[in-house]
Amino acid sequence: MAEVAVAEGRRIAVLAAVESTLGPTRKLLQESADAAGVKVELIGAPCLDAWPLFVNGEQDQYLGRIVEHARHLAVDVDVIVLAQASMAPAADLLRDLQIPVLTSPRAAVARAVTRTG
């Protein structure tokens, strides 16, 4: 996910519903950018009001809030990284955006396929 994100754009939004996820995800993205020799601007985009919805089992509302937040971000960034695995289904709801929306589970599977294939 991080390698793809830094290859796709310079302004990268890191969307997270839990504050503690932002730091490690930003660090991973910065390490990938450094390894690739590219300069990126990492934009923390917390969506903390979504997490209680997830905790309460309100999956549709949780994803709806993530999608709403991502759509607002999309006008100002090149890439959106959904920093938590719980957000992965939101990527399907954002396919119409003109920018990549990346999730760690999907990127990890795609990477594994290219390494074994």
PDB file of N, CA and C in Angstrom:
ATOM      1  N   MET A   1       0.831  -1.180   0.000  1.00  0.00           N
ATOM      2  CA  MET A   1       0.000   0.000   0.000  1.00  0.00           C
ATOM      3  C   MET A   1       0.879   1.248   0.000  1.00  0.00           C
ATOM      4  N   ALA A   2       1.871   1.283   0.881  1.00  0.00           N
ATOM      5  CA  ALA A   2       2.720   2.462   0.990  1.00  0.00           C
ATOM      6  C   ALA A   2       3.523   2.680  -0.277  1.00  0.00           C
ATOM      7  N   GLU A   3       4.059   1.615  -0.841  1.00  0.00           N
ATOM      8  CA  GLU A   3       4.843   1.741  -2.073  1.00  0.00           C
ATOM      9  C   GLU A   3       3.977   2.251  -3.221  1.00  0.00           C
ATOM     10  N   VAL A   4       2.776   1.726  -3.316  1.00  0.00           N
ATOM     11  CA  VAL A   4       1.854   2.166  -4.362  1.00  0.00           C
ATOM     12  C   VAL A   4       1.479   3.626  -4.144  1.00  0.00           C
ATOM     13  N   ALA A   5       1.194   3.998  -2.913  1.00  0.00           N
ATOM     14  CA  ALA A   5       0.781   5.375  -2.614  1.00  0.00           C
ATOM     15  C   ALA A   5       1.844   6.383  -3.042  1.00  0.00           C
ATOM     16  N   VAL A   6       3.104   6.118  -2.693  1.00  0.00           N
ATOM     17  CA  VAL A   6       4.138   7.098  -3.038  1.00  0.00           C
ATOM     18  C   VAL A   6       4.459   7.081  -4.528  1.00  0.00           C
ATOM     19  N   ALA A   7       4.146   5.996  -5.200  1.00  0.00           N
ATOM     20  CA  ALA A   7       4.336   5.945  -6.649  1.00  0.00           C
ATOM     21  C   ALA A   7       3.218   6.677  -7.386  1.00  0.00           C
ATOM     22  N   GLU A   8       2.047   6.771  -6.772  1.00  0.00           N
ATOM     23  CA  GLU A   8       0.873   7.346  -7.425  1.00  0.00           C
ATOM     24  C   GLU A   8       0.725   8.850  -7.260  1.00  0.00           C
ATOM     25  N   GLY A   9       1.316   9.422  -6.208  1.00  0.00           N
ATOM     26  CA  GLY A   9       1.116  10.857  -6.024  1.00  0.00           C
ATOM     27  C   GLY A   9       1.966  11.433  -4.925  1.00  0.00           C
ATOM     28  N   ARG A  10       2.018  12.742  -4.870  1.00  0.00           N
ATOM     29  CA  ARG A  10       2.847  13.433  -3.884  1.00  0.00           C
ATOM     30  C   ARG A  10       2.051  13.915  -2.680  1.00  0.00           C
ATOM     31  N   ARG A  11       0.792  14.235  -2.876  1.00  0.00           N
ATOM     32  CA  ARG A  11      -0.065  14.667  -1.752  1.00  0.00           C
ATOM     33  C   ARG A  11      -0.921  13.481  -1.358  1.00  0.00           C
ATOM     34  N   ILE A  12      -0.591  12.891  -0.205  1.00  0.00           N
ATOM     35  CA  ILE A  12      -1.227  11.649   0.229  1.00  0.00           C
ATOM     36  C   ILE A  12      -1.996  11.892   1.522  1.00  0.00           C
ATOM     37  N   ALA A  13      -3.296  11.646   1.477  1.00  0.00           N
ATOM     38  CA  ALA A  13      -4.125  11.753   2.674  1.00  0.00           C
ATOM     39  C   ALA A  13      -4.126  10.410   3.391  1.00  0.00           C
ATOM     40  N   VAL A  14      -3.930  10.464   4.692  1.00  0.00           N
ATOM     41  CA  VAL A  14      -3.974   9.265   5.528  1.00  0.00           C
ATOM     42  C   VAL A  14      -5.245   9.363   6.361  1.00  0.00           C
ATOM     43  N   LEU A  15      -6.253   8.598   5.971  1.00  0.00           N
ATOM     44  CA  LEU A  15      -7.551   8.641   6.630  1.00  0.00           C
ATOM     45  C   LEU A  15      -7.602   7.543   7.681  1.00  0.00           C
ATOM     46  N   ALA A  16      -7.894   7.919   8.912  1.00  0.00           N
ATOM     47  CA  ALA A  16      -7.978   6.963  10.014  1.00  0.00           C
ATOM     48  C   ALA A  16      -9.124   7.324  10.937  1.00  0.00           C
ATOM     49  N   ALA A  17      -9.777   6.309  11.480  1.00  0.00           N
ATOM     50  CA  ALA A  17     -10.870   6.525  12.421  1.00  0.00           C
ATOM     51  C   ALA A  17     -10.386   6.445  13.863  1.00  0.00           C
ATOM     52  N   VAL A  18      -9.147   6.010  14.046  1.00  0.00           N
ATOM     53  CA  VAL A  18      -8.539   5.925  15.368  1.00  0.00           C
ATOM     54  C   VAL A  18      -7.227   6.703  15.318  1.00  0.00           C
ATOM     55  N   GLU A  19      -7.073   7.656  16.205  1.00  0.00           N
ATOM     56  CA  GLU A  19      -5.900   8.540  16.198  1.00  0.00           C
ATOM     57  C   GLU A  19      -4.584   7.774  16.225  1.00  0.00           C
ATOM     58  N   SER A  20      -4.523   6.680  16.974  1.00  0.00           N
ATOM     59  CA  SER A  20      -3.270   5.939  17.124  1.00  0.00           C
ATOM     60  C   SER A  20      -2.811   5.274  15.828  1.00  0.00           C
ATOM     61  N   THR A  21      -3.666   5.197  14.842  1.00  0.00           N
ATOM     62  CA  THR A  21      -3.307   4.603  13.555  1.00  0.00           C
ATOM     63  C   THR A  21      -2.535   5.580  12.671  1.00  0.00           C
ATOM     64  N   LEU A  22      -2.736   6.862  12.876  1.00  0.00           N
ATOM     65  CA  LEU A  22      -2.118   7.862  11.997  1.00  0.00           C
ATOM     66  C   LEU A  22      -0.593   7.816  12.026  1.00  0.00           C
ATOM     67  N   GLY A  23      -0.010   7.809  13.197  1.00  0.00           N
ATOM     68  CA  GLY A  23       1.445   7.856  13.317  1.00  0.00           C
ATOM     69  C   GLY A  23       2.151   6.710  12.609  1.00  0.00           C
ATOM     70  N   PRO A  24       1.801   5.463  12.918  1.00  0.00           N
ATOM     71  CA  PRO A  24       2.468   4.347  12.253  1.00  0.00           C
ATOM     72  C   PRO A  24       2.263   4.333  10.731  1.00  0.00           C
ATOM     73  N   THR A  25       1.084   4.726  10.282  1.00  0.00           N
ATOM     74  CA  THR A  25       0.826   4.731   8.838  1.00  0.00           C
ATOM     75  C   THR A  25       1.643   5.820   8.161  1.00  0.00           C
ATOM     76  N   ARG A  26       1.697   6.982   8.764  1.00  0.00           N
ATOM     77  CA  ARG A  26       2.519   8.068   8.216  1.00  0.00           C
ATOM     78  C   ARG A  26       3.994   7.667   8.175  1.00  0.00           C
ATOM     79  N   LYS A  27       4.457   6.999   9.223  1.00  0.00           N
ATOM     80  CA  LYS A  27       5.853   6.557   9.265  1.00  0.00           C
ATOM     81  C   LYS A  27       6.144   5.584   8.131  1.00  0.00           C
ATOM     82  N   LEU A  28       5.246   4.627   7.921  1.00  0.00           N
ATOM     83  CA  LEU A  28       5.414   3.658   6.840  1.00  0.00           C
ATOM     84  C   LEU A  28       5.448   4.341   5.476  1.00  0.00           C
ATOM     85  N   LEU A  29       4.548   5.278   5.276  1.00  0.00           N
ATOM     86  CA  LEU A  29       4.514   6.013   4.009  1.00  0.00           C
ATOM     87  C   LEU A  29       5.789   6.825   3.797  1.00  0.00           C
ATOM     88  N   GLN A  30       6.263   7.478   4.862  1.00  0.00           N
ATOM     89  CA  GLN A  30       7.480   8.276   4.735  1.00  0.00           C
ATOM     90  C   GLN A  30       8.687   7.383   4.442  1.00  0.00           C
ATOM     91  N   GLU A  31       8.760   6.232   5.089  1.00  0.00           N
ATOM     92  CA  GLU A  31       9.852   5.293   4.823  1.00  0.00           C
ATOM     93  C   GLU A  31       9.816   4.817   3.376  1.00  0.00           C
ATOM     94  N   SER A  32       8.633   4.561   2.859  1.00  0.00           N
ATOM     95  CA  SER A  32       8.501   4.145   1.460  1.00  0.00           C
ATOM     96  C   SER A  32       8.906   5.257   0.511  1.00  0.00           C
ATOM     97  N   ALA A  33       8.524   6.483   0.837  1.00  0.00           N
ATOM     98  CA  ALA A  33       8.910   7.629   0.004  1.00  0.00           C
ATOM     99  C   ALA A  33      10.416   7.811   0.019  1.00  0.00           C
ATOM    100  N   ASP A  34      11.013   7.718   1.200  1.00  0.00           N
ATOM    101  CA  ASP A  34      12.466   7.859   1.312  1.00  0.00           C
ATOM    102  C   ASP A  34      13.176   6.774   0.504  1.00  0.00           C
ATOM    103  N   ALA A  35      12.699   5.550   0.603  1.00  0.00           N
ATOM    104  CA  ALA A  35      13.308   4.432  -0.129  1.00  0.00           C
ATOM    105  C   ALA A  35      13.184   4.625  -1.636  1.00  0.00           C
ATOM    106  N   ALA A  36      12.085   5.238  -2.062  1.00  0.00           N
ATOM    107  CA  ALA A  36      11.863   5.481  -3.491  1.00  0.00           C
ATOM    108  C   ALA A  36      12.540   6.768  -3.962  1.00  0.00           C
ATOM    109  N   GLY A  37      13.045   7.551  -3.021  1.00  0.00           N
ATOM    110  CA  GLY A  37      13.689   8.804  -3.384  1.00  0.00           C
ATOM    111  C   GLY A  37      12.725   9.872  -3.857  1.00  0.00           C
ATOM    112  N   VAL A  38      11.508   9.848  -3.337  1.00  0.00           N
ATOM    113  CA  VAL A  38      10.512  10.849  -3.724  1.00  0.00           C
ATOM    114  C   VAL A  38      10.099  11.666  -2.508  1.00  0.00           C
ATOM    115  N   LYS A  39       9.690  12.868  -2.778  1.00  0.00           N
ATOM    116  CA  LYS A  39       9.220  13.775  -1.731  1.00  0.00           C
ATOM    117  C   LYS A  39       7.690  13.727  -1.722  1.00  0.00           C
ATOM    118  N   VAL A  40       7.117  13.513  -0.541  1.00  0.00           N
ATOM    119  CA  VAL A  40       5.667  13.472  -0.426  1.00  0.00           C
ATOM    120  C   VAL A  40       5.204  14.407   0.681  1.00  0.00           C
ATOM    121  N   GLU A  41       3.970  14.817   0.571  1.00  0.00           N
ATOM    122  CA  GLU A  41       3.307  15.560   1.634  1.00  0.00           C
ATOM    123  C   GLU A  41       2.244  14.641   2.211  1.00  0.00           C
ATOM    124  N   LEU A  42       2.417  14.263   3.467  1.00  0.00           N
ATOM    125  CA  LEU A  42       1.474  13.370   4.128  1.00  0.00           C
ATOM    126  C   LEU A  42       0.483  14.215   4.919  1.00  0.00           C
ATOM    127  N   ILE A  43      -0.778  14.019   4.628  1.00  0.00           N
ATOM    128  CA  ILE A  43      -1.833  14.826   5.226  1.00  0.00           C
ATOM    129  C   ILE A  43      -2.663  13.941   6.140  1.00  0.00           C
ATOM    130  N   GLY A  44      -2.524  14.161   7.435  1.00  0.00           N
ATOM    131  CA  GLY A  44      -3.332  13.415   8.394  1.00  0.00           C
ATOM    132  C   GLY A  44      -4.792  13.810   8.253  1.00  0.00           C
ATOM    133  N   ALA A  45      -5.637  12.817   8.139  1.00  0.00           N
ATOM    134  CA  ALA A  45      -7.066  13.079   7.927  1.00  0.00           C
ATOM    135  C   ALA A  45      -7.903  12.225   8.876  1.00  0.00           C
ATOM    136  N   PRO A  46      -7.841  12.537  10.171  1.00  0.00           N
ATOM    137  CA  PRO A  46      -8.618  11.743  11.114  1.00  0.00           C
ATOM    138  C   PRO A  46     -10.119  11.918  10.900  1.00  0.00           C
ATOM    139  N   CYS A  47     -10.813  10.811  11.081  1.00  0.00           N
ATOM    140  CA  CYS A  47     -12.281  10.800  10.990  1.00  0.00           C
ATOM    141  C   CYS A  47     -12.777  10.092  12.259  1.00  0.00           C
ATOM    142  N   LEU A  48     -12.472  10.705  13.384  1.00  0.00           N
ATOM    143  CA  LEU A  48     -12.654  10.059  14.678  1.00  0.00           C
ATOM    144  C   LEU A  48     -14.109   9.808  15.046  1.00  0.00           C
ATOM    145  N   ASP A  49     -15.015  10.569  14.473  1.00  0.00           N
ATOM    146  CA  ASP A  49     -16.428  10.343  14.789  1.00  0.00           C
ATOM    147  C   ASP A  49     -16.975   9.073  14.141  1.00  0.00           C
ATOM    148  N   ALA A  50     -16.212   8.458  13.257  1.00  0.00           N
ATOM    149  CA  ALA A  50     -16.652   7.211  12.620  1.00  0.00           C
ATOM    150  C   ALA A  50     -16.446   6.002  13.534  1.00  0.00           C
ATOM    151  N   TRP A  51     -15.411   6.026  14.346  1.00  0.00           N
ATOM    152  CA  TRP A  51     -15.056   4.842  15.125  1.00  0.00           C
ATOM    153  C   TRP A  51     -16.168   4.359  16.062  1.00  0.00           C
ATOM    154  N   PRO A  52     -16.861   5.230  16.780  1.00  0.00           N
ATOM    155  CA  PRO A  52     -17.959   4.736  17.622  1.00  0.00           C
ATOM    156  C   PRO A  52     -19.021   3.979  16.828  1.00  0.00           C
ATOM    157  N   LEU A  53     -19.222   4.363  15.588  1.00  0.00           N
ATOM    158  CA  LEU A  53     -20.182   3.637  14.749  1.00  0.00           C
ATOM    159  C   LEU A  53     -19.706   2.209  14.517  1.00  0.00           C
ATOM    160  N   PHE A  54     -18.428   2.052  14.250  1.00  0.00           N
ATOM    161  CA  PHE A  54     -17.861   0.717  14.041  1.00  0.00           C
ATOM    162  C   PHE A  54     -17.973  -0.116  15.323  1.00  0.00           C
ATOM    163  N   VAL A  55     -17.586   0.475  16.429  1.00  0.00           N
ATOM    164  CA  VAL A  55     -17.623  -0.220  17.718  1.00  0.00           C
ATOM    165  C   VAL A  55     -19.032  -0.673  18.059  1.00  0.00           C
ATOM    166  N   ASN A  56     -20.026   0.125  17.688  1.00  0.00           N
ATOM    167  CA  ASN A  56     -21.426  -0.206  17.969  1.00  0.00           C
ATOM    168  C   ASN A  56     -22.050  -1.132  16.928  1.00  0.00           C
ATOM    169  N   GLY A  57     -21.241  -1.602  15.984  1.00  0.00           N
ATOM    170  CA  GLY A  57     -21.752  -2.536  14.983  1.00  0.00           C
ATOM    171  C   GLY A  57     -22.559  -1.893  13.878  1.00  0.00           C
ATOM    172  N   GLU A  58     -22.455  -0.585  13.732  1.00  0.00           N
ATOM    173  CA  GLU A  58     -23.198   0.139  12.711  1.00  0.00           C
ATOM    174  C   GLU A  58     -22.318   0.273  11.464  1.00  0.00           C
ATOM    175  N   GLN A  59     -22.072  -0.869  10.816  1.00  0.00           N
ATOM    176  CA  GLN A  59     -21.122  -0.944   9.711  1.00  0.00           C
ATOM    177  C   GLN A  59     -21.485  -0.018   8.543  1.00  0.00           C
ATOM    178  N   ASP A  60     -22.733   0.003   8.141  1.00  0.00           N
ATOM    179  CA  ASP A  60     -23.128   0.860   7.018  1.00  0.00           C
ATOM    180  C   ASP A  60     -22.897   2.342   7.326  1.00  0.00           C
ATOM    181  N   GLN A  61     -23.238   2.754   8.528  1.00  0.00           N
ATOM    182  CA  GLN A  61     -23.039   4.145   8.912  1.00  0.00           C
ATOM    183  C   GLN A  61     -21.533   4.456   9.027  1.00  0.00           C
ATOM    184  N   TYR A  62     -20.777   3.512   9.555  1.00  0.00           N
ATOM    185  CA  TYR A  62     -19.321   3.668   9.659  1.00  0.00           C
ATOM    186  C   TYR A  62     -18.712   3.888   8.278  1.00  0.00           C
ATOM    187  N   LEU A  63     -19.039   3.005   7.365  1.00  0.00           N
ATOM    188  CA  LEU A  63     -18.499   3.135   6.008  1.00  0.00           C
ATOM    189  C   LEU A  63     -18.995   4.407   5.339  1.00  0.00           C
ATOM    190  N   GLY A  64     -20.249   4.765   5.576  1.00  0.00           N
ATOM    191  CA  GLY A  64     -20.793   5.997   5.010  1.00  0.00           C
ATOM    192  C   GLY A  64     -20.026   7.218   5.482  1.00  0.00           C
ATOM    193  N   ARG A  65     -19.659   7.225   6.745  1.00  0.00           N
ATOM    194  CA  ARG A  65     -18.895   8.363   7.283  1.00  0.00           C
ATOM    195  C   ARG A  65     -17.495   8.407   6.687  1.00  0.00           C
ATOM    196  N   ILE A  66     -16.869   7.249   6.530  1.00  0.00           N
ATOM    197  CA  ILE A  66     -15.537   7.177   5.915  1.00  0.00           C
ATOM    198  C   ILE A  66     -15.614   7.670   4.471  1.00  0.00           C
ATOM    199  N   VAL A  67     -16.602   7.218   3.746  1.00  0.00           N
ATOM    200  CA  VAL A  67     -16.778   7.616   2.346  1.00  0.00           C
ATOM    201  C   VAL A  67     -16.997   9.125   2.242  1.00  0.00           C
ATOM    202  N   GLU A  68     -17.841   9.663   3.082  1.00  0.00           N
ATOM    203  CA  GLU A  68     -18.102  11.112   3.074  1.00  0.00           C
ATOM    204  C   GLU A  68     -16.807  11.892   3.310  1.00  0.00           C
ATOM    205  N   HIS A  69     -16.043  11.469   4.279  1.00  0.00           N
ATOM    206  CA  HIS A  69     -14.780  12.146   4.606  1.00  0.00           C
ATOM    207  C   HIS A  69     -13.794  12.042   3.437  1.00  0.00           C
ATOM    208  N   ALA A  70     -13.698  10.871   2.861  1.00  0.00           N
ATOM    209  CA  ALA A  70     -12.784  10.657   1.730  1.00  0.00           C
ATOM    210  C   ALA A  70     -13.167  11.535   0.544  1.00  0.00           C
ATOM    211  N   ARG A  71     -14.437  11.661   0.271  1.00  0.00           N
ATOM    212  CA  ARG A  71     -14.875  12.499  -0.860  1.00  0.00           C
ATOM    213  C   ARG A  71     -14.477  13.962  -0.659  1.00  0.00           C
ATOM    214  N   HIS A  72     -14.535  14.442   0.565  1.00  0.00           N
ATOM    215  CA  HIS A  72     -14.101  15.814   0.834  1.00  0.00           C
ATOM    216  C   HIS A  72     -12.594  15.964   0.634  1.00  0.00           C
ATOM    217  N   LEU A  73     -11.849  14.950   1.013  1.00  0.00           N
ATOM    218  CA  LEU A  73     -10.394  14.994   0.865  1.00  0.00           C
ATOM    219  C   LEU A  73      -9.953  14.934  -0.596  1.00  0.00           C
ATOM    220  N   ALA A  74     -10.705  14.206  -1.399  1.00  0.00           N
ATOM    221  CA  ALA A  74     -10.290  13.887  -2.767  1.00  0.00           C
ATOM    222  C   ALA A  74     -10.007  15.098  -3.636  1.00  0.00           C
ATOM    223  N   VAL A  75     -10.614  16.221  -3.336  1.00  0.00           N
ATOM    224  CA  VAL A  75     -10.403  17.406  -4.173  1.00  0.00           C
ATOM    225  C   VAL A  75      -9.032  18.040  -3.973  1.00  0.00           C
ATOM    226  N   ASP A  76      -8.361  17.689  -2.875  1.00  0.00           N
ATOM    227  CA  ASP A  76      -7.092  18.345  -2.553  1.00  0.00           C
ATOM    228  C   ASP A  76      -5.875  17.424  -2.527  1.00  0.00           C
ATOM    229  N   VAL A  77      -6.062  16.133  -2.816  1.00  0.00           N
ATOM    230  CA  VAL A  77      -4.942  15.193  -2.710  1.00  0.00           C
ATOM    231  C   VAL A  77      -4.831  14.339  -3.968  1.00  0.00           C
ATOM    232  N   ASP A  78      -3.699  13.650  -4.092  1.00  0.00           N
ATOM    233  CA  ASP A  78      -3.460  12.756  -5.232  1.00  0.00           C
ATOM    234  C   ASP A  78      -3.839  11.312  -4.930  1.00  0.00           C
ATOM    235  N   VAL A  79      -3.776  10.947  -3.662  1.00  0.00           N
ATOM    236  CA  VAL A  79      -4.016   9.576  -3.218  1.00  0.00           C
ATOM    237  C   VAL A  79      -4.662   9.631  -1.840  1.00  0.00           C
ATOM    238  N   ILE A  80      -5.564   8.683  -1.575  1.00  0.00           N
ATOM    239  CA  ILE A  80      -6.118   8.517  -0.235  1.00  0.00           C
ATOM    240  C   ILE A  80      -5.746   7.126   0.251  1.00  0.00           C
ATOM    241  N   VAL A  81      -5.166   7.072   1.441  1.00  0.00           N
ATOM    242  CA  VAL A  81      -4.844   5.802   2.080  1.00  0.00           C
ATOM    243  C   VAL A  81      -5.835   5.600   3.214  1.00  0.00           C
ATOM    244  N   LEU A  82      -6.568   4.500   3.157  1.00  0.00           N
ATOM    245  CA  LEU A  82      -7.465   4.124   4.241  1.00  0.00           C
ATOM    246  C   LEU A  82      -6.625   3.293   5.208  1.00  0.00           C
ATOM    247  N   ALA A  83      -6.306   3.865   6.350  1.00  0.00           N
ATOM    248  CA  ALA A  83      -5.259   3.341   7.220  1.00  0.00           C
ATOM    249  C   ALA A  83      -5.647   2.128   8.059  1.00  0.00           C
ATOM    250  N   GLN A  84      -6.899   1.754   8.065  1.00  0.00           N
ATOM    251  CA  GLN A  84      -7.333   0.639   8.894  1.00  0.00           C
ATOM    252  C   GLN A  84      -8.021  -0.414   8.029  1.00  0.00           C
ATOM    253  N   ALA A  85      -7.774  -1.671   8.344  1.00  0.00           N
ATOM    254  CA  ALA A  85      -8.376  -2.767   7.593  1.00  0.00           C
ATOM    255  C   ALA A  85      -9.906  -2.692   7.614  1.00  0.00           C
ATOM    256  N   SER A  86     -10.470  -2.188   8.698  1.00  0.00           N
ATOM    257  CA  SER A  86     -11.930  -2.078   8.809  1.00  0.00           C
ATOM    258  C   SER A  86     -12.519  -1.147   7.756  1.00  0.00           C
ATOM    259  N   MET A  87     -11.691  -0.323   7.150  1.00  0.00           N
ATOM    260  CA  MET A  87     -12.151   0.636   6.148  1.00  0.00           C
ATOM    261  C   MET A  87     -12.143   0.073   4.730  1.00  0.00           C
ATOM    262  N   ALA A  88     -11.563  -1.089   4.534  1.00  0.00           N
ATOM    263  CA  ALA A  88     -11.388  -1.632   3.185  1.00  0.00           C
ATOM    264  C   ALA A  88     -12.672  -1.637   2.351  1.00  0.00           C
ATOM    265  N   PRO A  89     -13.829  -2.004   2.904  1.00  0.00           N
ATOM    266  CA  PRO A  89     -15.043  -1.985   2.073  1.00  0.00           C
ATOM    267  C   PRO A  89     -15.394  -0.594   1.531  1.00  0.00           C
ATOM    268  N   ALA A  90     -14.925   0.455   2.176  1.00  0.00           N
ATOM    269  CA  ALA A  90     -15.210   1.813   1.697  1.00  0.00           C
ATOM    270  C   ALA A  90     -14.553   2.073   0.350  1.00  0.00           C
ATOM    271  N   ALA A  91     -13.446   1.400   0.079  1.00  0.00           N
ATOM    272  CA  ALA A  91     -12.761   1.609  -1.202  1.00  0.00           C
ATOM    273  C   ALA A  91     -13.682   1.276  -2.375  1.00  0.00           C
ATOM    274  N   ASP A  92     -14.507   0.246  -2.222  1.00  0.00           N
ATOM    275  CA  ASP A  92     -15.454  -0.103  -3.289  1.00  0.00           C
ATOM    276  C   ASP A  92     -16.463   1.010  -3.532  1.00  0.00           C
ATOM    277  N   LEU A  93     -16.811   1.719  -2.486  1.00  0.00           N
ATOM    278  CA  LEU A  93     -17.790   2.801  -2.597  1.00  0.00           C
ATOM    279  C   LEU A  93     -17.174   4.081  -3.134  1.00  0.00           C
ATOM    280  N   LEU A  94     -15.859   4.075  -3.303  1.00  0.00           N
ATOM    281  CA  LEU A  94     -15.145   5.263  -3.779  1.00  0.00           C
ATOM    282  C   LEU A  94     -14.508   5.047  -5.147  1.00  0.00           C
ATOM    283  N   ARG A  95     -14.911   4.022  -5.839  1.00  0.00           N
ATOM    284  CA  ARG A  95     -14.311   3.713  -7.153  1.00  0.00           C
ATOM    285  C   ARG A  95     -14.518   4.807  -8.185  1.00  0.00           C
ATOM    286  N   ASP A  96     -15.524   5.637  -7.990  1.00  0.00           N
ATOM    287  CA  ASP A  96     -15.799   6.693  -8.959  1.00  0.00           C
ATOM    288  C   ASP A  96     -14.853   7.887  -8.819  1.00  0.00           C
ATOM    289  N   LEU A  97     -14.073   7.939  -7.755  1.00  0.00           N
ATOM    290  CA  LEU A  97     -13.131   9.045  -7.597  1.00  0.00           C
ATOM    291  C   LEU A  97     -12.063   8.978  -8.678  1.00  0.00           C
ATOM    292  N   GLN A  98     -11.519  10.109  -8.997  1.00  0.00           N
ATOM    293  CA  GLN A  98     -10.492  10.188 -10.037  1.00  0.00           C
ATOM    294  C   GLN A  98      -9.088   9.973  -9.491  1.00  0.00           C
ATOM    295  N   ILE A  99      -8.990   9.562  -8.235  1.00  0.00           N
ATOM    296  CA  ILE A  99      -7.697   9.313  -7.602  1.00  0.00           C
ATOM    297  C   ILE A  99      -7.702   7.925  -6.972  1.00  0.00           C
ATOM    298  N   PRO A 100      -6.516   7.344  -6.748  1.00  0.00           N
ATOM    299  CA  PRO A 100      -6.466   6.036  -6.082  1.00  0.00           C
ATOM    300  C   PRO A 100      -6.896   6.128  -4.621  1.00  0.00           C
ATOM    301  N   VAL A 101      -7.639   5.129  -4.187  1.00  0.00           N
ATOM    302  CA  VAL A 101      -7.998   4.952  -2.782  1.00  0.00           C
ATOM    303  C   VAL A 101      -7.437   3.585  -2.400  1.00  0.00           C
ATOM    304  N   LEU A 102      -6.458   3.596  -1.512  1.00  0.00           N
ATOM    305  CA  LEU A 102      -5.709   2.382  -1.207  1.00  0.00           C
ATOM    306  C   LEU A 102      -6.017   1.864   0.189  1.00  0.00           C
ATOM    307  N   THR A 103      -6.018   0.541   0.305  1.00  0.00           N
ATOM    308  CA  THR A 103      -6.205  -0.120   1.590  1.00  0.00           C
ATOM    309  C   THR A 103      -5.096  -1.144   1.764  1.00  0.00           C
ATOM    310  N   SER A 104      -4.708  -1.365   2.992  1.00  0.00           N
ATOM    311  CA  SER A 104      -3.608  -2.304   3.228  1.00  0.00           C
ATOM    312  C   SER A 104      -3.966  -3.742   2.852  1.00  0.00           C
ATOM    313  N   PRO A 105      -5.161  -4.251   3.159  1.00  0.00           N
ATOM    314  CA  PRO A 105      -5.434  -5.647   2.790  1.00  0.00           C
ATOM    315  C   PRO A 105      -5.354  -5.889   1.279  1.00  0.00           C
ATOM    316  N   ARG A 106      -5.931  -5.014   0.499  1.00  0.00           N
ATOM    317  CA  ARG A 106      -5.921  -5.209  -0.953  1.00  0.00           C
ATOM    318  C   ARG A 106      -4.526  -5.076  -1.533  1.00  0.00           C
ATOM    319  N   ALA A 107      -3.802  -4.079  -1.075  1.00  0.00           N
ATOM    320  CA  ALA A 107      -2.448  -3.878  -1.583  1.00  0.00           C
ATOM    321  C   ALA A 107      -1.551  -5.040  -1.209  1.00  0.00           C
ATOM    322  N   ALA A 108      -1.728  -5.574  -0.017  1.00  0.00           N
ATOM    323  CA  ALA A 108      -0.908  -6.706   0.414  1.00  0.00           C
ATOM    324  C   ALA A 108      -1.184  -7.940  -0.441  1.00  0.00           C
ATOM    325  N   VAL A 109      -2.444  -8.195  -0.735  1.00  0.00           N
ATOM    326  CA  VAL A 109      -2.794  -9.334  -1.579  1.00  0.00           C
ATOM    327  C   VAL A 109      -2.243  -9.141  -2.988  1.00  0.00           C
ATOM    328  N   ALA A 110      -2.405  -7.961  -3.531  1.00  0.00           N
ATOM    329  CA  ALA A 110      -1.892  -7.687  -4.887  1.00  0.00           C
ATOM    330  C   ALA A 110      -0.378  -7.870  -4.925  1.00  0.00           C
ATOM    331  N   ARG A 111       0.304  -7.405  -3.907  1.00  0.00           N
ATOM    332  CA  ARG A 111       1.759  -7.547  -3.840  1.00  0.00           C
ATOM    333  C   ARG A 111       2.164  -9.020  -3.767  1.00  0.00           C
ATOM    334  N   ALA A 112       1.437  -9.796  -2.954  1.00  0.00           N
ATOM    335  CA  ALA A 112       1.738 -11.213  -2.834  1.00  0.00           C
ATOM    336  C   ALA A 112       1.538 -11.944  -4.145  1.00  0.00           C
ATOM    337  N   VAL A 113       0.499 -11.569  -4.870  1.00  0.00           N
ATOM    338  CA  VAL A 113       0.232 -12.199  -6.161  1.00  0.00           C
ATOM    339  C   VAL A 113       1.350 -11.906  -7.146  1.00  0.00           C
ATOM    340  N   THR A 114       1.832 -10.670  -7.192  1.00  0.00           N
ATOM    341  CA  THR A 114       2.897 -10.344  -8.137  1.00  0.00           C
ATOM    342  C   THR A 114       4.207 -11.014  -7.760  1.00  0.00           C
ATOM    343  N   ARG A 115       4.433 -11.266  -6.499  1.00  0.00           N
ATOM    344  CA  ARG A 115       5.670 -11.927  -6.072  1.00  0.00           C
ATOM    345  C   ARG A 115       5.627 -13.425  -6.325  1.00  0.00           C
ATOM    346  N   THR A 116       4.449 -14.034  -6.297  1.00  0.00           N
ATOM    347  CA  THR A 116       4.352 -15.475  -6.508  1.00  0.00           C
ATOM    348  C   THR A 116       4.041 -15.825  -7.945  1.00  0.00           C
ATOM    349  N   GLY A 117       3.539 -14.845  -8.691  1.00  0.00           N
ATOM    350  CA  GLY A 117       3.105 -15.104 -10.052  1.00  0.00           C
ATOM    351  C   GLY A 117       4.141 -14.917 -11.022  1.00  0.00           C
TER     352      GLY A 117
END
